[in-house]
Amino acid sequence: MMGYAAHLRVYEPLSGLPDSERTRWQAYIAEGEVPSRPVQMAREHEVALAAVLAVPPRLDLNEGVEHAYVRHLDGLTYVCPWRLQLRAWDALDTFRAQLPDELRDAFFPPALSAAAEDARDVWMASHPEIKAGILTSTWQVPVSWFVAFEASERRLVLGDRRTPGTSATTGLDRALVYLTAMSRARRRTAKALRIVRRLFDEGPATSSIEEVGRWLEDFHPHSLVELDYGGLVHLLDDESLSEDTSVADINDALERLVAGDLAGAGQCYERVVTRWRSIAALEHAN
């Protein structure tokens, strides 16, 4: 099955990876059985869900074969490995940081959290150059992700909507994806940060854009950056998905801010927030 989550991915050029990583993923691609994007997302979700539902929750995700999303563009090959273990450690930190002190240990026993922290420190010490190239957001797309893209980079496929519990079987799946070069993504994110910071100083909007910008700087400058609506496309009918203009709306909002049209910028921003607020509300629907 596929989770209701969106993903921001970085695909690094195979030729730019460290020797050990390049050899590993060259062999993986040479096997010729790289799963399609929707199948990969479904498998990721199943592995993570099984770990979360274990009692106690299992944080060791090193079992099984590591997979990667693969893109071929202009004669070059790009890879975005799952890095599930690294992402699980990061997710644990984020989850615990959001909880009051008295609730943290109820979800993850102190011994389990301490063991995970030790394991991550050991792994990071021997793999300092490796970063997790996938960010995931459940039930909505963060506004800060939109600033790295332009409307012309949108790819929409109106395949069949799936119901909960069914799995992807082909690559010709329902999808809404944006793809751009790392250089463009960094430039646009930096520009958006300057605009927002100049007008609103420091705050949630500034910090969220800054966080995305810092994350992008961790990767090869010739990488590709992908915004994938993932399983969220199955929450929207064809008309709603076709009319989703979140990237264009945020770009319009930024242009209006530069022009001094604060009211117009607010209207553009509110369209995006309202659109995603209604989708996020489905998380609590019965």
Protein backbone atom coordinates (compact mmCIF):
# COMPACT_ATOMS: atom_id res chain seq x y z
CA MET A 1 0.00 0.00 0.00
CA MET A 2 1.03 3.63 -0.37
CA GLY A 3 0.97 6.21 2.40
CA TYR A 4 -0.63 9.62 2.04
CA ALA A 5 2.63 11.52 1.90
CA ALA A 6 4.53 13.87 -0.40
CA HIS A 7 8.27 13.72 -0.97
CA LEU A 8 11.08 16.13 -1.81
CA ARG A 9 13.94 14.14 -3.36
CA VAL A 10 17.47 14.87 -4.51
CA TYR A 11 18.89 12.68 -7.29
CA GLU A 12 22.67 12.89 -7.36
CA PRO A 13 24.63 12.12 -10.54
CA LEU A 14 26.02 8.62 -10.39
CA SER A 15 29.38 9.90 -11.62
CA GLY A 16 29.59 12.33 -8.69
CA LEU A 17 29.17 9.80 -5.89
CA PRO A 18 32.05 8.53 -3.71
CA ASP A 19 33.74 5.46 -5.21
CA SER A 20 32.14 2.90 -2.90
CA GLU A 21 28.67 4.35 -3.39
CA ARG A 22 29.09 4.66 -7.16
CA THR A 23 30.16 1.01 -7.47
CA ARG A 24 27.23 -0.11 -5.34
CA TRP A 25 24.57 1.72 -7.34
CA GLN A 26 26.12 0.89 -10.70
CA ALA A 27 25.72 -2.79 -9.81
CA TYR A 28 22.16 -2.15 -8.62
CA ILE A 29 21.19 -0.47 -11.90
CA ALA A 30 23.03 -3.08 -13.98
CA GLU A 31 20.77 -5.78 -12.55
CA GLY A 32 18.00 -4.21 -14.62
CA GLU A 33 15.23 -4.68 -12.07
CA VAL A 34 14.87 -1.21 -10.60
CA PRO A 35 11.25 -0.90 -9.36
CA SER A 36 9.10 1.91 -10.74
CA ARG A 37 8.54 5.06 -8.69
CA PRO A 38 5.05 4.12 -7.35
CA VAL A 39 6.16 0.59 -6.50
CA GLN A 40 9.19 2.00 -4.68
CA MET A 41 6.98 4.34 -2.63
CA ALA A 42 4.63 1.49 -1.71
CA ARG A 43 7.55 -0.69 -0.59
CA GLU A 44 9.06 2.13 1.44
CA HIS A 45 5.76 2.66 3.21
CA GLU A 46 5.32 -1.04 3.96
CA VAL A 47 8.80 -1.39 5.47
CA ALA A 48 8.35 1.72 7.63
CA LEU A 49 4.85 0.72 8.73
CA ALA A 50 6.00 -2.74 9.79
CA ALA A 51 8.75 -1.18 11.92
CA VAL A 52 6.38 1.29 13.58
CA LEU A 53 3.75 -1.36 14.38
CA ALA A 54 6.27 -3.67 16.03
CA VAL A 55 6.14 -3.89 19.82
CA PRO A 56 8.22 -2.08 20.89
CA PRO A 57 8.65 0.01 17.71
CA ARG A 58 11.64 -1.20 15.70
CA LEU A 59 14.24 1.38 14.74
CA ASP A 60 16.69 -1.00 13.05
CA LEU A 61 15.80 -0.85 9.34
CA ASN A 62 19.04 -2.28 7.99
CA GLU A 63 17.45 -5.62 7.14
CA GLY A 64 16.75 -6.36 3.49
CA VAL A 65 18.05 -4.80 0.28
CA GLU A 66 18.49 -1.04 0.05
CA HIS A 67 16.79 0.45 -3.00
CA ALA A 68 17.11 3.73 -4.88
CA TYR A 69 14.98 5.87 -7.14
CA VAL A 70 16.72 6.20 -10.51
CA ARG A 71 16.41 8.82 -13.27
CA HIS A 72 18.06 8.96 -16.68
CA LEU A 73 18.28 12.41 -18.24
CA ASP A 74 20.36 13.75 -21.16
CA GLY A 75 22.56 10.66 -21.17
CA LEU A 76 23.32 10.83 -17.45
CA THR A 77 22.13 8.59 -14.61
CA TYR A 78 20.97 9.99 -11.28
CA VAL A 79 20.16 8.08 -8.09
CA CYS A 80 18.25 8.85 -4.92
CA PRO A 81 18.81 6.03 -2.40
CA TRP A 82 16.12 5.26 0.17
CA ARG A 83 18.46 5.68 3.18
CA LEU A 84 15.60 4.39 5.35
CA GLN A 85 17.76 3.87 8.41
CA LEU A 86 19.15 7.39 8.34
CA ARG A 87 15.69 8.86 7.76
CA ALA A 88 14.27 6.81 10.64
CA TRP A 89 16.85 8.28 13.02
CA ASP A 90 16.07 11.80 11.78
CA ALA A 91 12.33 11.18 12.09
CA LEU A 92 12.74 9.97 15.66
CA ASP A 93 14.55 13.18 16.60
CA THR A 94 11.84 15.30 14.97
CA PHE A 95 9.02 13.31 16.59
CA ARG A 96 10.51 13.47 20.08
CA ALA A 97 11.19 17.19 19.73
CA GLN A 98 7.49 17.81 19.09
CA LEU A 99 6.30 16.02 22.22
CA PRO A 100 6.16 17.27 25.83
CA ASP A 101 8.79 15.69 28.05
CA GLU A 102 6.22 13.58 29.90
CA LEU A 103 4.97 11.96 26.66
CA ARG A 104 8.24 11.22 24.87
CA ASP A 105 9.13 8.12 26.85
CA ALA A 106 5.60 6.74 26.52
CA PHE A 107 6.08 6.36 22.76
CA PHE A 108 9.75 5.37 22.71
CA PRO A 109 11.36 3.93 25.86
CA PRO A 110 14.53 5.81 26.89
CA ALA A 111 16.68 2.72 26.32
CA LEU A 112 15.41 2.40 22.75
CA SER A 113 16.03 6.07 21.99
CA ALA A 114 19.51 5.97 23.53
CA ALA A 115 20.42 2.87 21.52
CA ALA A 116 19.22 4.56 18.32
CA GLU A 117 21.28 7.66 19.07
CA ASP A 118 24.41 5.57 19.72
CA ALA A 119 23.88 3.59 16.52
CA ARG A 120 23.50 6.76 14.49
CA ASP A 121 26.66 8.29 15.97
CA VAL A 122 28.65 5.18 15.04
CA TRP A 123 27.20 5.08 11.52
CA MET A 124 27.74 8.80 10.89
CA ALA A 125 31.35 8.57 12.04
CA SER A 126 32.07 6.03 9.29
CA HIS A 127 29.83 7.65 6.63
CA PRO A 128 30.28 11.40 7.12
CA GLU A 129 29.71 12.19 3.44
CA ILE A 130 26.31 10.45 3.14
CA LYS A 131 23.09 12.44 3.63
CA ALA A 132 19.45 11.44 3.39
CA GLY A 133 18.19 12.71 0.03
CA ILE A 134 14.48 12.41 0.76
CA LEU A 135 12.21 14.61 2.87
CA THR A 136 8.69 13.34 3.57
CA SER A 137 5.55 15.18 4.64
CA THR A 138 2.32 13.36 5.50
CA TRP A 139 -1.10 14.66 4.44
CA GLN A 140 0.21 17.88 2.86
CA VAL A 141 3.03 19.54 0.94
CA PRO A 142 4.92 22.17 2.99
CA VAL A 143 4.68 25.62 1.43
CA SER A 144 8.47 26.01 1.63
CA TRP A 145 8.93 23.14 -0.84
CA PHE A 146 7.10 24.99 -3.61
CA VAL A 147 9.60 27.85 -3.86
CA ALA A 148 12.26 25.67 -5.54
CA PHE A 149 10.15 25.05 -8.65
CA GLU A 150 8.33 26.77 -11.50
CA ALA A 151 4.94 25.91 -12.99
CA SER A 152 6.51 24.88 -16.34
CA GLU A 153 8.35 22.00 -14.57
CA ARG A 154 5.10 20.26 -13.68
CA ARG A 155 4.27 16.74 -14.91
CA LEU A 156 0.74 15.45 -14.37
CA VAL A 157 -0.50 11.90 -15.03
CA LEU A 158 -4.20 11.26 -14.39
CA GLY A 159 -4.09 7.52 -13.79
CA ASP A 160 -6.69 5.70 -11.72
CA ARG A 161 -7.21 6.72 -8.11
CA ARG A 162 -6.47 3.91 -5.69
CA THR A 163 -8.36 3.14 -2.53
CA PRO A 164 -6.53 2.56 0.80
CA GLY A 165 -4.83 -0.82 0.99
CA THR A 166 -4.27 -1.31 -2.73
CA SER A 167 -0.78 -1.34 -4.23
CA ALA A 168 0.89 0.15 -7.26
CA THR A 169 1.78 -2.32 -9.99
CA THR A 170 3.15 -0.20 -12.85
CA GLY A 171 5.08 2.99 -13.49
CA LEU A 172 2.11 4.47 -15.39
CA ASP A 173 0.51 5.63 -12.19
CA ARG A 174 -1.43 8.70 -11.08
CA ALA A 175 1.14 11.37 -10.31
CA LEU A 176 1.93 15.04 -9.97
CA VAL A 177 5.68 15.70 -10.05
CA TYR A 178 7.95 18.72 -10.48
CA LEU A 179 11.58 18.26 -11.52
CA THR A 180 14.34 20.87 -11.75
CA ALA A 181 18.11 21.25 -11.71
CA MET A 182 19.80 21.76 -8.35
CA SER A 183 21.25 25.09 -9.49
CA ARG A 184 17.75 26.43 -10.20
CA ALA A 185 16.33 25.05 -6.97
CA ARG A 186 19.07 26.69 -4.90
CA ARG A 187 18.78 30.00 -6.72
CA ARG A 188 15.00 30.16 -6.34
CA THR A 189 15.09 29.15 -2.69
CA ALA A 190 17.73 31.77 -1.90
CA LYS A 191 15.69 34.43 -3.71
CA ALA A 192 12.52 33.49 -1.83
CA LEU A 193 14.41 33.63 1.45
CA ARG A 194 15.71 37.13 0.71
CA ILE A 195 12.23 38.38 -0.15
CA VAL A 196 10.53 36.89 2.89
CA ARG A 197 13.30 37.88 5.29
CA ARG A 198 13.38 41.47 4.04
CA LEU A 199 9.65 41.92 4.62
CA PHE A 200 8.95 39.70 7.61
CA ASP A 201 12.35 39.35 9.29
CA GLU A 202 12.66 36.07 11.20
CA GLY A 203 9.67 33.80 11.71
CA PRO A 204 8.18 30.42 10.74
CA ALA A 205 8.07 31.22 7.01
CA THR A 206 11.68 32.38 6.98
CA SER A 207 12.99 29.46 9.01
CA SER A 208 11.18 26.84 6.90
CA ILE A 209 12.59 28.23 3.62
CA GLU A 210 16.04 28.55 5.18
CA GLU A 211 15.89 24.92 6.31
CA VAL A 212 15.13 23.72 2.78
CA GLY A 213 17.96 25.86 1.41
CA ARG A 214 20.48 24.42 3.88
CA TRP A 215 19.35 20.90 3.05
CA LEU A 216 19.85 21.43 -0.68
CA GLU A 217 23.41 22.65 -0.07
CA ASP A 218 24.36 19.18 1.24
CA PHE A 219 24.25 17.59 -2.20
CA HIS A 220 26.16 17.55 -5.47
CA PRO A 221 25.67 20.84 -7.39
CA HIS A 222 24.67 18.97 -10.56
CA SER A 223 21.89 17.00 -8.87
CA LEU A 224 18.20 17.00 -9.77
CA VAL A 225 15.49 18.04 -7.32
CA GLU A 226 12.04 16.46 -7.44
CA LEU A 227 8.79 17.40 -5.72
CA ASP A 228 6.49 14.38 -5.79
CA TYR A 229 2.92 14.61 -4.50
CA GLY A 230 3.20 10.88 -3.82
CA GLY A 231 0.13 9.23 -2.33
CA LEU A 232 -1.62 12.57 -1.91
CA VAL A 233 -2.77 12.41 -5.55
CA HIS A 234 -5.21 9.67 -4.55
CA LEU A 235 -7.00 12.08 -2.19
CA LEU A 236 -7.88 14.42 -5.08
CA ASP A 237 -10.22 13.90 -8.00
CA ASP A 238 -9.05 14.61 -11.55
CA GLU A 239 -10.40 18.17 -11.59
CA SER A 240 -8.85 19.13 -8.26
CA LEU A 241 -5.50 17.60 -9.19
CA SER A 242 -5.46 19.28 -12.61
CA GLU A 243 -6.30 22.65 -11.08
CA ASP A 244 -3.67 22.47 -8.34
CA THR A 245 -1.49 25.50 -8.99
CA SER A 246 0.35 25.67 -5.68
CA VAL A 247 3.79 26.28 -7.23
CA ALA A 248 2.43 29.01 -9.53
CA ASP A 249 0.49 30.58 -6.64
CA ILE A 250 3.55 30.78 -4.39
CA ASN A 251 5.69 32.20 -7.19
CA ASP A 252 2.96 34.78 -7.82
CA ALA A 253 2.87 35.63 -4.13
CA LEU A 254 6.63 36.25 -4.09
CA GLU A 255 6.46 38.46 -7.19
CA ARG A 256 3.66 40.50 -5.61
CA LEU A 257 5.71 40.93 -2.43
CA VAL A 258 8.58 42.34 -4.49
CA ALA A 259 6.14 44.72 -6.19
CA GLY A 260 4.78 45.85 -2.83
CA ASP A 261 1.36 44.27 -3.39
CA LEU A 262 0.98 42.77 0.08
CA ALA A 263 -2.78 42.23 -0.27
CA GLY A 264 -2.38 40.37 -3.57
CA ALA A 265 0.46 38.29 -2.15
CA GLY A 266 -1.72 37.40 0.83
CA GLN A 267 -4.52 36.22 -1.45
CA CYS A 268 -2.15 33.97 -3.42
CA TYR A 269 -0.71 32.53 -0.23
CA GLU A 270 -4.16 31.98 1.28
CA ARG A 271 -5.25 29.99 -1.79
CA VAL A 272 -2.41 27.56 -1.22
CA VAL A 273 -2.93 27.29 2.53
CA THR A 274 -6.68 26.78 2.15
CA ARG A 275 -6.17 24.12 -0.52
CA TRP A 276 -3.79 22.10 1.64
CA ARG A 277 -5.67 22.71 4.88
CA SER A 278 -8.68 20.88 3.45
CA ILE A 279 -6.50 17.92 2.45
CA ALA A 280 -4.65 17.80 5.78
CA ALA A 281 -8.02 17.70 7.56
CA LEU A 282 -8.64 14.26 6.02
CA GLU A 283 -6.06 12.82 8.43
CA HIS A 284 -8.65 13.14 11.18
CA ALA A 285 -11.67 12.12 9.08
CA ASN A 286 -13.50 9.03 10.21
